[in-house]
């Protein structure tokens, strides 16, 4: 059973994964500056487009051209993890889908650089959050299974810039980590990423295997 300690606002960013049937998505949870009774607005959702666009098209993120952002939505979330009665999410007007930086080959769509959201809590429920970025281009430096420190630092810096810009919009407060198990909300204090690429298997559920057969 989902039980949050505090109501909040959820910003969801989704898009096409490498031109395939699979989609990627991340969710960021922010302090609600108005209270649960005030619905989100179209204007508030639209304000989020520019920071997300600037983040997604940055060359140092290594997102492929055929990976896109085509959905940005903002919603109030109640203590039960659902939209409040009578409210719905506000969908941003993006226009044409936002594409990544270049068309060079990419790592498999289930591959992901994970960015963790750190808090002052050293351990326990709600002490850290995480988002799984869409698979990046194979041009991203990778040696012995690890990206280099400069690339990791650049990805962290770009993500931080986006979050700060989002928190400055009229519809969002500060970024937080909200546990669905009732632990107190923790304020985000920073970001961390490992240099080993992770796997998000749900992002390769819809691509057809395209099996080939050969008789013995």
N, C-alpha and C. Protein backbone atom coordinates (compact mmCIF):
# COMPACT_ATOMS: atom_id res chain seq x y z
N UNK A 1 0.84 -1.20 0.00
CA UNK A 1 0.00 0.00 0.00
C UNK A 1 0.87 1.25 0.00
N UNK A 2 0.63 2.14 -0.96
CA UNK A 2 1.40 3.38 -1.05
C UNK A 2 0.88 4.39 -0.04
N UNK A 3 1.77 4.87 0.82
CA UNK A 3 1.42 5.91 1.77
C UNK A 3 2.58 6.89 1.85
N UNK A 4 2.37 8.09 1.36
CA UNK A 4 3.40 9.12 1.45
C UNK A 4 3.21 9.94 2.72
N UNK A 5 4.31 10.41 3.26
CA UNK A 5 4.27 11.25 4.45
C UNK A 5 3.78 12.65 4.13
N UNK A 6 3.91 13.04 2.87
CA UNK A 6 3.62 14.42 2.49
C UNK A 6 3.10 14.46 1.06
N UNK A 7 2.10 15.25 0.81
CA UNK A 7 1.67 15.45 -0.58
C UNK A 7 2.76 16.22 -1.33
N UNK A 8 2.75 16.10 -2.64
CA UNK A 8 3.82 16.73 -3.42
C UNK A 8 3.41 16.83 -4.88
N UNK A 9 4.32 17.28 -5.69
CA UNK A 9 4.09 17.35 -7.14
C UNK A 9 5.07 16.45 -7.87
N UNK A 10 4.55 15.70 -8.81
CA UNK A 10 5.35 14.76 -9.59
C UNK A 10 5.49 15.29 -11.02
N UNK A 11 6.73 15.43 -11.46
CA UNK A 11 7.02 15.82 -12.83
C UNK A 11 7.51 14.59 -13.58
N UNK A 12 6.80 14.21 -14.63
CA UNK A 12 7.14 13.01 -15.41
C UNK A 12 7.64 13.43 -16.77
N UNK A 13 8.76 12.83 -17.19
CA UNK A 13 9.36 13.10 -18.50
C UNK A 13 9.48 11.76 -19.22
N UNK A 14 8.88 11.66 -20.42
CA UNK A 14 8.88 10.40 -21.15
C UNK A 14 9.17 10.64 -22.62
N UNK A 15 9.57 9.57 -23.31
CA UNK A 15 9.81 9.71 -24.73
C UNK A 15 10.11 8.39 -25.40
N UNK A 16 10.38 8.47 -26.70
CA UNK A 16 10.71 7.31 -27.52
C UNK A 16 12.14 6.88 -27.22
N UNK A 17 12.36 5.57 -27.19
CA UNK A 17 13.69 5.02 -26.96
C UNK A 17 14.26 4.50 -28.27
N UNK A 18 15.20 5.25 -28.84
CA UNK A 18 15.92 4.84 -30.05
C UNK A 18 14.99 4.49 -31.21
N UNK A 19 13.93 5.26 -31.38
CA UNK A 19 13.04 5.07 -32.51
C UNK A 19 12.26 3.77 -32.46
N UNK A 20 12.21 3.12 -31.30
CA UNK A 20 11.60 1.79 -31.19
C UNK A 20 10.21 1.88 -30.57
N UNK A 21 9.61 0.71 -30.35
CA UNK A 21 8.31 0.65 -29.67
C UNK A 21 8.45 0.86 -28.18
N UNK A 22 9.67 0.72 -27.67
CA UNK A 22 9.90 0.92 -26.24
C UNK A 22 10.01 2.40 -25.91
N UNK A 23 9.66 2.73 -24.67
CA UNK A 23 9.72 4.11 -24.21
C UNK A 23 10.53 4.18 -22.92
N UNK A 24 11.14 5.33 -22.69
CA UNK A 24 11.85 5.57 -21.44
C UNK A 24 11.08 6.64 -20.66
N UNK A 25 11.37 6.75 -19.39
CA UNK A 25 10.71 7.78 -18.60
C UNK A 25 11.37 7.93 -17.25
N UNK A 26 11.29 9.14 -16.70
CA UNK A 26 11.77 9.40 -15.34
C UNK A 26 10.73 10.24 -14.63
N UNK A 27 10.73 10.17 -13.30
CA UNK A 27 9.84 10.98 -12.50
C UNK A 27 10.63 11.70 -11.42
N UNK A 28 10.36 12.98 -11.25
CA UNK A 28 11.01 13.79 -10.21
C UNK A 28 9.92 14.36 -9.31
N UNK A 29 10.14 14.26 -8.01
CA UNK A 29 9.13 14.68 -7.03
C UNK A 29 9.60 15.96 -6.33
N UNK A 30 8.72 16.95 -6.35
CA UNK A 30 9.05 18.27 -5.81
C UNK A 30 8.06 18.66 -4.72
N UNK A 31 8.52 19.52 -3.82
CA UNK A 31 7.64 20.12 -2.83
C UNK A 31 6.53 20.88 -3.56
N UNK A 32 5.30 20.73 -3.04
CA UNK A 32 4.16 21.45 -3.61
C UNK A 32 4.08 22.83 -2.95
N UNK A 33 4.28 23.91 -3.72
CA UNK A 33 4.31 25.23 -3.10
C UNK A 33 2.93 25.79 -2.75
N UNK A 34 1.85 25.11 -3.20
CA UNK A 34 0.51 25.66 -3.03
C UNK A 34 -0.42 24.81 -2.18
N UNK A 35 -0.08 23.55 -1.97
CA UNK A 35 -0.98 22.66 -1.27
C UNK A 35 -1.77 21.80 -2.24
N UNK A 36 -2.22 20.67 -1.75
CA UNK A 36 -2.85 19.66 -2.59
C UNK A 36 -4.17 20.14 -3.20
N UNK A 37 -4.81 21.12 -2.59
CA UNK A 37 -6.10 21.58 -3.10
C UNK A 37 -6.02 22.49 -4.31
N UNK A 38 -4.81 22.91 -4.67
CA UNK A 38 -4.64 23.80 -5.82
C UNK A 38 -4.15 22.97 -7.00
N UNK A 39 -4.95 22.79 -8.03
CA UNK A 39 -4.54 21.97 -9.17
C UNK A 39 -3.35 22.56 -9.91
N UNK A 40 -2.59 21.69 -10.55
CA UNK A 40 -1.54 22.16 -11.45
C UNK A 40 -2.17 22.84 -12.66
N UNK A 41 -1.39 23.66 -13.35
CA UNK A 41 -1.92 24.38 -14.51
C UNK A 41 -1.10 24.10 -15.76
N UNK A 42 -1.72 24.38 -16.89
CA UNK A 42 -1.02 24.25 -18.17
C UNK A 42 0.22 25.13 -18.19
N UNK A 43 0.11 26.35 -17.69
CA UNK A 43 1.24 27.28 -17.70
C UNK A 43 2.41 26.74 -16.87
N UNK A 44 2.09 26.12 -15.72
CA UNK A 44 3.15 25.57 -14.88
C UNK A 44 3.88 24.43 -15.58
N UNK A 45 3.11 23.59 -16.25
CA UNK A 45 3.73 22.49 -17.00
C UNK A 45 4.57 23.02 -18.15
N UNK A 46 4.07 24.05 -18.84
CA UNK A 46 4.80 24.61 -19.97
C UNK A 46 6.14 25.22 -19.55
N UNK A 47 6.21 25.77 -18.33
CA UNK A 47 7.46 26.35 -17.84
C UNK A 47 8.57 25.31 -17.72
N UNK A 48 8.19 24.05 -17.59
CA UNK A 48 9.17 22.99 -17.41
C UNK A 48 9.84 22.57 -18.71
N UNK A 49 9.28 22.97 -19.84
CA UNK A 49 9.79 22.50 -21.13
C UNK A 49 11.20 23.01 -21.40
N UNK A 50 11.44 24.30 -21.20
CA UNK A 50 12.74 24.87 -21.54
C UNK A 50 13.89 24.23 -20.75
N UNK A 51 13.79 24.07 -19.42
CA UNK A 51 14.89 23.41 -18.71
C UNK A 51 15.14 21.98 -19.16
N UNK A 52 14.05 21.25 -19.45
CA UNK A 52 14.20 19.86 -19.89
C UNK A 52 14.81 19.81 -21.28
N UNK A 53 14.38 20.72 -22.15
CA UNK A 53 14.94 20.76 -23.50
C UNK A 53 16.44 21.04 -23.45
N UNK A 54 16.85 22.04 -22.66
CA UNK A 54 18.27 22.40 -22.57
C UNK A 54 19.10 21.22 -22.06
N UNK A 55 18.54 20.49 -21.11
CA UNK A 55 19.24 19.31 -20.58
C UNK A 55 19.35 18.21 -21.62
N UNK A 56 18.27 17.94 -22.33
CA UNK A 56 18.23 16.78 -23.21
C UNK A 56 19.08 16.95 -24.46
N UNK A 57 19.20 18.17 -24.96
CA UNK A 57 19.95 18.38 -26.20
C UNK A 57 21.43 18.63 -25.96
N UNK A 58 21.86 18.71 -24.68
CA UNK A 58 23.27 18.97 -24.39
C UNK A 58 24.15 17.84 -24.89
N UNK A 59 25.19 18.19 -25.64
CA UNK A 59 26.04 17.17 -26.26
C UNK A 59 26.71 16.28 -25.23
N UNK A 60 27.06 16.81 -24.07
CA UNK A 60 27.76 16.02 -23.06
C UNK A 60 26.89 14.97 -22.38
N UNK A 61 25.59 14.97 -22.65
CA UNK A 61 24.73 13.91 -22.16
C UNK A 61 24.75 12.67 -23.06
N UNK A 62 25.16 12.84 -24.30
CA UNK A 62 25.29 11.74 -25.25
C UNK A 62 23.98 11.04 -25.56
N UNK A 63 22.86 11.76 -25.55
CA UNK A 63 21.59 11.13 -25.92
C UNK A 63 21.49 11.06 -27.44
N UNK A 64 21.05 9.92 -28.00
CA UNK A 64 20.99 9.76 -29.45
C UNK A 64 19.90 10.62 -30.09
N UNK A 65 20.07 10.91 -31.35
CA UNK A 65 19.10 11.71 -32.10
C UNK A 65 17.74 11.04 -32.17
N UNK A 66 17.72 9.70 -32.24
CA UNK A 66 16.44 8.98 -32.36
C UNK A 66 15.83 8.62 -31.01
N UNK A 67 16.37 9.19 -29.92
CA UNK A 67 15.73 9.12 -28.60
C UNK A 67 15.15 10.50 -28.31
N UNK A 68 13.91 10.54 -27.85
CA UNK A 68 13.21 11.82 -27.77
C UNK A 68 12.55 12.04 -26.41
N UNK A 69 12.17 13.29 -26.19
CA UNK A 69 11.21 13.66 -25.15
C UNK A 69 9.94 14.10 -25.86
N UNK A 70 8.83 13.40 -25.65
CA UNK A 70 7.58 13.79 -26.29
C UNK A 70 6.44 13.97 -25.29
N UNK A 71 6.74 13.82 -24.00
CA UNK A 71 5.70 13.98 -22.98
C UNK A 71 6.30 14.55 -21.70
N UNK A 72 5.74 15.65 -21.24
CA UNK A 72 6.10 16.25 -19.96
C UNK A 72 4.80 16.56 -19.24
N UNK A 73 4.62 15.98 -18.06
CA UNK A 73 3.38 16.24 -17.34
C UNK A 73 3.64 16.51 -15.87
N UNK A 74 2.79 17.33 -15.31
CA UNK A 74 2.92 17.76 -13.92
C UNK A 74 1.62 17.43 -13.20
N UNK A 75 1.75 16.83 -12.01
CA UNK A 75 0.54 16.41 -11.29
C UNK A 75 0.73 16.54 -9.79
N UNK A 76 -0.36 16.85 -9.10
CA UNK A 76 -0.40 16.74 -7.65
C UNK A 76 -0.51 15.27 -7.26
N UNK A 77 0.19 14.89 -6.20
CA UNK A 77 0.13 13.52 -5.70
C UNK A 77 -0.29 13.55 -4.24
N UNK A 78 -1.36 12.80 -3.93
CA UNK A 78 -1.86 12.75 -2.57
C UNK A 78 -1.09 11.76 -1.71
N UNK A 79 -1.47 11.66 -0.45
CA UNK A 79 -0.80 10.75 0.47
C UNK A 79 -0.95 9.29 0.04
N UNK A 80 -1.99 9.00 -0.73
CA UNK A 80 -2.22 7.63 -1.21
C UNK A 80 -1.50 7.34 -2.52
N UNK A 81 -0.69 8.30 -3.01
CA UNK A 81 0.04 8.10 -4.24
C UNK A 81 -0.76 8.33 -5.50
N UNK A 82 -1.99 8.83 -5.37
CA UNK A 82 -2.86 9.05 -6.52
C UNK A 82 -3.14 10.54 -6.72
N UNK A 83 -3.70 10.84 -7.89
CA UNK A 83 -4.16 12.20 -8.12
C UNK A 83 -5.31 12.50 -7.15
N UNK A 84 -5.40 13.70 -6.62
CA UNK A 84 -6.53 14.05 -5.76
C UNK A 84 -7.84 13.96 -6.54
N UNK A 85 -8.95 13.65 -5.87
CA UNK A 85 -10.24 13.56 -6.56
C UNK A 85 -10.55 14.83 -7.34
N UNK A 86 -10.96 14.65 -8.60
CA UNK A 86 -11.33 15.79 -9.43
C UNK A 86 -10.16 16.48 -10.11
N UNK A 87 -8.94 16.05 -9.84
CA UNK A 87 -7.77 16.66 -10.48
C UNK A 87 -7.14 15.69 -11.47
N UNK A 88 -6.47 16.25 -12.46
CA UNK A 88 -5.73 15.46 -13.44
C UNK A 88 -4.37 16.10 -13.63
N UNK A 89 -3.50 15.43 -14.36
CA UNK A 89 -2.19 16.01 -14.64
C UNK A 89 -2.32 17.11 -15.69
N UNK A 90 -1.36 18.02 -15.68
CA UNK A 90 -1.26 19.06 -16.71
C UNK A 90 -0.18 18.64 -17.69
N UNK A 91 -0.52 18.59 -18.96
CA UNK A 91 0.39 18.13 -20.01
C UNK A 91 1.01 19.35 -20.69
N UNK A 92 2.34 19.41 -20.72
CA UNK A 92 3.02 20.53 -21.35
C UNK A 92 2.87 20.49 -22.86
N UNK A 93 2.85 21.66 -23.46
CA UNK A 93 2.87 21.78 -24.92
C UNK A 93 4.33 21.82 -25.35
N UNK A 94 4.79 20.74 -25.97
CA UNK A 94 6.19 20.65 -26.38
C UNK A 94 6.38 21.08 -27.82
N UNK A 95 5.37 20.83 -28.65
CA UNK A 95 5.56 21.00 -30.09
C UNK A 95 6.20 19.75 -30.64
N UNK A 96 7.14 19.90 -31.55
CA UNK A 96 7.86 18.73 -32.07
C UNK A 96 8.64 18.07 -30.96
N UNK A 97 8.75 16.75 -31.02
CA UNK A 97 9.50 16.03 -30.00
C UNK A 97 10.92 16.55 -29.91
N UNK A 98 11.46 16.53 -28.69
CA UNK A 98 12.82 16.99 -28.45
C UNK A 98 13.76 15.82 -28.69
N UNK A 99 14.71 16.00 -29.60
CA UNK A 99 15.64 14.93 -29.95
C UNK A 99 16.96 15.10 -29.22
N UNK A 100 17.67 13.97 -29.05
CA UNK A 100 19.01 14.02 -28.49
C UNK A 100 19.99 14.69 -29.42
N UNK A 101 21.28 14.59 -29.11
CA UNK A 101 22.29 15.42 -29.76
C UNK A 101 22.68 14.97 -31.17
N UNK A 102 22.98 13.68 -31.36
CA UNK A 102 23.49 13.24 -32.66
C UNK A 102 22.92 11.88 -33.02
N UNK A 103 23.20 11.47 -34.25
CA UNK A 103 22.61 10.23 -34.77
C UNK A 103 23.56 9.04 -34.67
N UNK A 104 24.68 9.15 -33.99
CA UNK A 104 25.61 8.04 -33.93
C UNK A 104 25.02 6.87 -33.15
N UNK A 105 25.60 5.70 -33.31
CA UNK A 105 25.08 4.47 -32.71
C UNK A 105 24.98 4.60 -31.20
N UNK A 106 24.03 3.86 -30.63
CA UNK A 106 23.78 3.95 -29.19
C UNK A 106 23.97 2.59 -28.53
N UNK A 107 24.17 2.63 -27.23
CA UNK A 107 24.16 1.40 -26.45
C UNK A 107 22.74 0.82 -26.46
N UNK A 108 22.57 -0.46 -26.14
CA UNK A 108 21.22 -1.06 -26.14
C UNK A 108 20.25 -0.24 -25.28
N UNK A 109 18.97 -0.21 -25.65
CA UNK A 109 18.01 0.67 -24.98
C UNK A 109 17.82 0.40 -23.50
N UNK A 110 18.14 -0.83 -23.05
CA UNK A 110 17.99 -1.13 -21.63
C UNK A 110 19.19 -0.66 -20.80
N UNK A 111 20.22 -0.15 -21.47
CA UNK A 111 21.41 0.37 -20.79
C UNK A 111 21.11 1.76 -20.23
N UNK A 112 21.58 2.03 -19.02
CA UNK A 112 21.24 3.31 -18.41
C UNK A 112 22.33 3.78 -17.46
N UNK A 113 22.62 5.08 -17.55
CA UNK A 113 23.41 5.75 -16.52
C UNK A 113 22.43 6.18 -15.43
N UNK A 114 22.70 5.77 -14.20
CA UNK A 114 21.80 6.06 -13.09
C UNK A 114 22.31 7.26 -12.31
N UNK A 115 21.44 8.22 -12.09
CA UNK A 115 21.77 9.36 -11.24
C UNK A 115 20.96 9.22 -9.95
N UNK A 116 21.67 9.19 -8.84
CA UNK A 116 21.02 9.10 -7.53
C UNK A 116 20.83 10.49 -6.94
N UNK A 117 19.73 10.65 -6.21
CA UNK A 117 19.42 11.90 -5.53
C UNK A 117 19.76 11.70 -4.06
N UNK A 118 20.77 12.40 -3.58
CA UNK A 118 21.23 12.20 -2.22
C UNK A 118 20.50 13.13 -1.26
N UNK A 119 20.47 12.73 0.01
CA UNK A 119 19.84 13.51 1.08
C UNK A 119 20.77 13.49 2.30
N UNK A 120 20.37 14.21 3.34
CA UNK A 120 21.16 14.23 4.57
C UNK A 120 21.01 12.95 5.38
N UNK A 121 20.04 12.11 5.01
CA UNK A 121 19.80 10.86 5.73
C UNK A 121 20.80 9.81 5.24
N UNK A 122 21.61 9.23 6.14
CA UNK A 122 22.66 8.31 5.68
C UNK A 122 22.14 6.96 5.22
N UNK A 123 21.01 6.52 5.77
CA UNK A 123 20.48 5.21 5.40
C UNK A 123 19.00 5.15 5.80
N UNK A 124 18.36 4.08 5.38
CA UNK A 124 16.96 3.89 5.74
C UNK A 124 16.01 4.31 4.63
N UNK A 125 14.72 4.14 4.90
CA UNK A 125 13.70 4.45 3.91
C UNK A 125 13.75 5.92 3.51
N UNK A 126 13.76 6.15 2.21
CA UNK A 126 13.73 7.52 1.70
C UNK A 126 15.05 8.25 1.81
N UNK A 127 16.16 7.54 2.06
CA UNK A 127 17.43 8.26 2.21
C UNK A 127 18.05 8.63 0.87
N UNK A 128 17.59 8.00 -0.21
CA UNK A 128 18.16 8.29 -1.53
C UNK A 128 17.11 7.97 -2.60
N UNK A 129 17.16 8.73 -3.68
CA UNK A 129 16.30 8.46 -4.84
C UNK A 129 17.17 8.18 -6.05
N UNK A 130 16.56 7.80 -7.15
CA UNK A 130 17.35 7.57 -8.36
C UNK A 130 16.49 7.69 -9.59
N UNK A 131 17.15 8.07 -10.68
CA UNK A 131 16.50 8.08 -11.99
C UNK A 131 17.40 7.34 -12.98
N UNK A 132 16.76 6.63 -13.90
CA UNK A 132 17.48 5.89 -14.93
C UNK A 132 17.39 6.68 -16.24
N UNK A 133 18.51 7.22 -16.67
CA UNK A 133 18.52 8.01 -17.90
C UNK A 133 18.35 7.10 -19.11
N UNK A 134 17.89 7.66 -20.24
CA UNK A 134 17.82 6.83 -21.46
C UNK A 134 19.21 6.44 -21.92
N UNK A 135 19.30 5.34 -22.64
CA UNK A 135 20.60 4.85 -23.11
C UNK A 135 21.31 5.91 -23.94
N UNK A 136 22.60 6.04 -23.71
CA UNK A 136 23.38 7.06 -24.41
C UNK A 136 24.08 6.50 -25.65
N UNK A 137 24.70 7.39 -26.38
CA UNK A 137 25.39 7.00 -27.60
C UNK A 137 26.67 6.22 -27.26
N UNK A 138 27.05 5.34 -28.17
CA UNK A 138 28.26 4.56 -27.95
C UNK A 138 29.52 5.42 -28.06
N UNK A 139 29.36 6.67 -28.52
CA UNK A 139 30.50 7.59 -28.54
C UNK A 139 30.88 8.04 -27.13
N UNK A 140 30.01 7.81 -26.16
CA UNK A 140 30.35 8.15 -24.79
C UNK A 140 31.55 7.32 -24.35
N UNK A 141 32.59 7.97 -23.84
CA UNK A 141 33.81 7.22 -23.49
C UNK A 141 33.54 6.11 -22.50
N UNK A 142 33.98 4.90 -22.85
CA UNK A 142 33.77 3.73 -21.99
C UNK A 142 35.02 2.87 -22.06
N UNK A 143 35.71 2.72 -20.94
CA UNK A 143 36.94 1.95 -20.88
C UNK A 143 36.83 0.93 -19.75
N UNK A 144 37.10 -0.33 -20.06
CA UNK A 144 37.01 -1.39 -19.06
C UNK A 144 35.66 -1.39 -18.35
N UNK A 145 34.60 -1.10 -19.11
CA UNK A 145 33.25 -1.12 -18.55
C UNK A 145 32.86 0.11 -17.76
N UNK A 146 33.68 1.16 -17.78
CA UNK A 146 33.40 2.35 -16.99
C UNK A 146 33.52 3.61 -17.85
N UNK A 147 32.64 4.59 -17.59
CA UNK A 147 32.80 5.89 -18.21
C UNK A 147 33.87 6.66 -17.46
N UNK A 148 34.47 7.64 -18.11
CA UNK A 148 35.52 8.39 -17.42
C UNK A 148 34.92 9.42 -16.46
N UNK A 149 35.75 9.94 -15.58
CA UNK A 149 35.27 10.86 -14.55
C UNK A 149 34.74 12.15 -15.15
N UNK A 150 35.35 12.63 -16.24
CA UNK A 150 34.90 13.88 -16.85
C UNK A 150 33.48 13.74 -17.39
N UNK A 151 33.18 12.59 -17.99
CA UNK A 151 31.84 12.36 -18.52
C UNK A 151 30.82 12.26 -17.39
N UNK A 152 31.16 11.52 -16.34
CA UNK A 152 30.26 11.40 -15.20
C UNK A 152 29.99 12.77 -14.58
N UNK A 153 31.04 13.56 -14.41
CA UNK A 153 30.88 14.88 -13.80
C UNK A 153 30.02 15.80 -14.67
N UNK A 154 30.20 15.70 -16.00
CA UNK A 154 29.42 16.53 -16.92
C UNK A 154 27.94 16.15 -16.86
N UNK A 155 27.63 14.87 -16.81
CA UNK A 155 26.23 14.42 -16.73
C UNK A 155 25.60 14.89 -15.43
N UNK A 156 26.35 14.82 -14.33
CA UNK A 156 25.84 15.29 -13.05
C UNK A 156 25.57 16.79 -13.08
N UNK A 157 26.49 17.54 -13.65
CA UNK A 157 26.34 19.00 -13.69
C UNK A 157 25.13 19.41 -14.53
N UNK A 158 24.93 18.74 -15.66
CA UNK A 158 23.79 19.06 -16.52
C UNK A 158 22.48 18.72 -15.83
N UNK A 159 22.45 17.60 -15.11
CA UNK A 159 21.23 17.22 -14.40
C UNK A 159 20.94 18.22 -13.28
N UNK A 160 21.96 18.61 -12.55
CA UNK A 160 21.80 19.60 -11.48
C UNK A 160 21.26 20.92 -12.02
N UNK A 161 21.80 21.38 -13.13
CA UNK A 161 21.33 22.63 -13.74
C UNK A 161 19.86 22.54 -14.09
N UNK A 162 19.44 21.40 -14.66
CA UNK A 162 18.04 21.22 -14.99
C UNK A 162 17.16 21.26 -13.75
N UNK A 163 17.55 20.54 -12.70
CA UNK A 163 16.74 20.47 -11.48
C UNK A 163 16.61 21.86 -10.85
N UNK A 164 17.70 22.62 -10.80
CA UNK A 164 17.63 23.96 -10.21
C UNK A 164 16.70 24.86 -11.02
N UNK A 165 16.74 24.73 -12.35
CA UNK A 165 15.86 25.54 -13.20
C UNK A 165 14.41 25.12 -13.02
N UNK A 166 14.16 23.84 -12.86
CA UNK A 166 12.79 23.37 -12.63
C UNK A 166 12.26 23.86 -11.28
N UNK A 167 13.10 23.80 -10.25
CA UNK A 167 12.68 24.24 -8.92
C UNK A 167 12.40 25.74 -8.88
N UNK A 168 12.92 26.47 -9.86
CA UNK A 168 12.69 27.91 -9.92
C UNK A 168 11.42 28.28 -10.68
N UNK A 169 10.74 27.29 -11.27
CA UNK A 169 9.49 27.58 -11.97
C UNK A 169 8.37 27.81 -10.97
N UNK A 170 7.28 28.37 -11.45
CA UNK A 170 6.21 28.78 -10.54
C UNK A 170 5.43 27.60 -9.95
N UNK A 171 5.52 26.42 -10.56
CA UNK A 171 4.71 25.31 -10.09
C UNK A 171 5.42 24.34 -9.17
N UNK A 172 6.71 24.55 -8.93
CA UNK A 172 7.48 23.57 -8.20
C UNK A 172 8.28 24.20 -7.07
N UNK A 173 8.39 23.45 -5.96
CA UNK A 173 9.30 23.82 -4.89
C UNK A 173 10.59 23.03 -5.04
N UNK A 174 11.29 22.77 -3.95
CA UNK A 174 12.55 22.05 -4.02
C UNK A 174 12.37 20.58 -4.31
N UNK A 175 13.42 19.98 -4.88
CA UNK A 175 13.42 18.55 -5.17
C UNK A 175 13.50 17.76 -3.86
N UNK A 176 12.73 16.67 -3.80
CA UNK A 176 12.75 15.84 -2.60
C UNK A 176 12.79 14.37 -2.94
N UNK A 177 13.04 13.57 -1.91
CA UNK A 177 12.93 12.11 -2.02
C UNK A 177 11.76 11.70 -1.15
N UNK A 178 10.75 11.12 -1.76
CA UNK A 178 9.51 10.76 -1.09
C UNK A 178 9.37 9.25 -1.08
N UNK A 179 9.38 8.66 0.09
CA UNK A 179 9.23 7.22 0.21
C UNK A 179 7.76 6.83 0.17
N UNK A 180 7.40 5.82 -0.66
CA UNK A 180 6.00 5.37 -0.69
C UNK A 180 5.63 4.50 0.51
N UNK A 181 6.56 4.37 1.45
CA UNK A 181 6.32 3.55 2.64
C UNK A 181 6.14 4.39 3.89
N UNK A 182 5.83 5.67 3.70
CA UNK A 182 5.45 6.51 4.83
C UNK A 182 6.59 7.20 5.55
N UNK A 183 7.83 7.00 5.13
CA UNK A 183 8.95 7.68 5.78
C UNK A 183 8.89 9.17 5.47
N UNK A 184 9.42 10.02 6.36
CA UNK A 184 9.39 11.46 6.13
C UNK A 184 10.09 11.85 4.84
N UNK A 185 9.55 12.87 4.20
CA UNK A 185 10.18 13.41 2.99
C UNK A 185 11.56 13.96 3.33
N UNK A 186 12.53 13.67 2.46
CA UNK A 186 13.88 14.18 2.62
C UNK A 186 14.20 15.18 1.52
N UNK A 187 14.80 16.29 1.89
CA UNK A 187 15.21 17.30 0.91
C UNK A 187 16.46 16.83 0.17
N UNK A 188 16.47 17.00 -1.14
CA UNK A 188 17.64 16.62 -1.93
C UNK A 188 18.82 17.52 -1.57
N UNK A 189 19.97 16.91 -1.39
CA UNK A 189 21.19 17.66 -1.07
C UNK A 189 22.23 17.60 -2.18
N UNK A 190 22.07 16.69 -3.13
CA UNK A 190 23.05 16.57 -4.20
C UNK A 190 22.73 15.40 -5.11
N UNK A 191 23.68 15.08 -5.97
CA UNK A 191 23.50 14.02 -6.96
C UNK A 191 24.76 13.17 -7.04
N UNK A 192 24.56 11.91 -7.39
CA UNK A 192 25.67 10.96 -7.47
C UNK A 192 25.42 10.02 -8.63
N UNK A 193 26.48 9.67 -9.35
CA UNK A 193 26.33 8.62 -10.36
C UNK A 193 27.56 7.74 -10.36
N UNK A 194 27.32 6.45 -10.53
CA UNK A 194 28.42 5.52 -10.68
C UNK A 194 28.95 5.57 -12.10
N UNK A 195 30.14 5.08 -12.29
CA UNK A 195 30.75 5.11 -13.62
C UNK A 195 30.53 3.81 -14.39
N UNK A 196 29.78 2.87 -13.81
CA UNK A 196 29.41 1.64 -14.49
C UNK A 196 27.96 1.77 -14.94
N UNK A 197 27.69 1.53 -16.21
CA UNK A 197 26.35 1.64 -16.74
C UNK A 197 25.47 0.53 -16.16
N UNK A 198 24.24 0.89 -15.87
CA UNK A 198 23.29 -0.03 -15.25
C UNK A 198 22.33 -0.57 -16.31
N UNK A 199 21.35 -1.34 -15.88
CA UNK A 199 20.36 -1.94 -16.78
C UNK A 199 18.96 -1.67 -16.26
N UNK A 200 18.10 -1.19 -17.14
CA UNK A 200 16.68 -1.02 -16.83
C UNK A 200 15.91 -1.91 -17.82
N UNK A 201 15.67 -3.14 -17.43
CA UNK A 201 15.18 -4.14 -18.37
C UNK A 201 13.81 -3.83 -18.95
N UNK A 202 13.01 -3.07 -18.24
CA UNK A 202 11.67 -2.74 -18.74
C UNK A 202 11.72 -1.90 -20.01
N UNK A 203 12.89 -1.35 -20.33
CA UNK A 203 13.00 -0.52 -21.52
C UNK A 203 13.34 -1.32 -22.77
N UNK A 204 13.26 -2.63 -22.69
CA UNK A 204 13.41 -3.45 -23.89
C UNK A 204 12.39 -4.56 -23.85
N UNK A 205 11.16 -4.21 -23.50
CA UNK A 205 10.08 -5.20 -23.45
C UNK A 205 9.29 -5.28 -24.75
N UNK A 206 9.31 -4.19 -25.53
CA UNK A 206 8.41 -4.10 -26.67
C UNK A 206 9.09 -4.21 -28.02
N UNK A 207 10.42 -4.32 -28.04
CA UNK A 207 11.11 -4.51 -29.32
C UNK A 207 11.02 -5.98 -29.70
N UNK A 208 10.54 -6.25 -30.91
CA UNK A 208 10.41 -7.63 -31.37
C UNK A 208 11.79 -8.28 -31.51
N UNK A 209 11.89 -9.51 -31.05
CA UNK A 209 13.18 -10.20 -31.09
C UNK A 209 13.68 -10.42 -32.52
N UNK A 210 12.75 -10.59 -33.48
CA UNK A 210 13.17 -10.81 -34.86
C UNK A 210 13.97 -12.10 -35.03
N UNK A 211 13.48 -13.17 -34.42
CA UNK A 211 14.20 -14.43 -34.44
C UNK A 211 14.46 -14.92 -35.87
N UNK A 212 15.62 -15.54 -36.07
CA UNK A 212 15.97 -16.21 -37.33
C UNK A 212 16.12 -17.70 -37.04
N UNK A 213 15.71 -18.53 -37.97
CA UNK A 213 15.75 -19.97 -37.79
C UNK A 213 16.72 -20.63 -38.76
N UNK A 214 17.36 -21.68 -38.28
CA UNK A 214 18.23 -22.47 -39.13
C UNK A 214 18.07 -23.93 -38.76
N UNK A 215 17.63 -24.73 -39.74
CA UNK A 215 17.40 -26.16 -39.46
C UNK A 215 18.73 -26.88 -39.28
N UNK A 216 18.72 -27.87 -38.41
CA UNK A 216 19.91 -28.68 -38.18
C UNK A 216 20.14 -29.64 -39.32
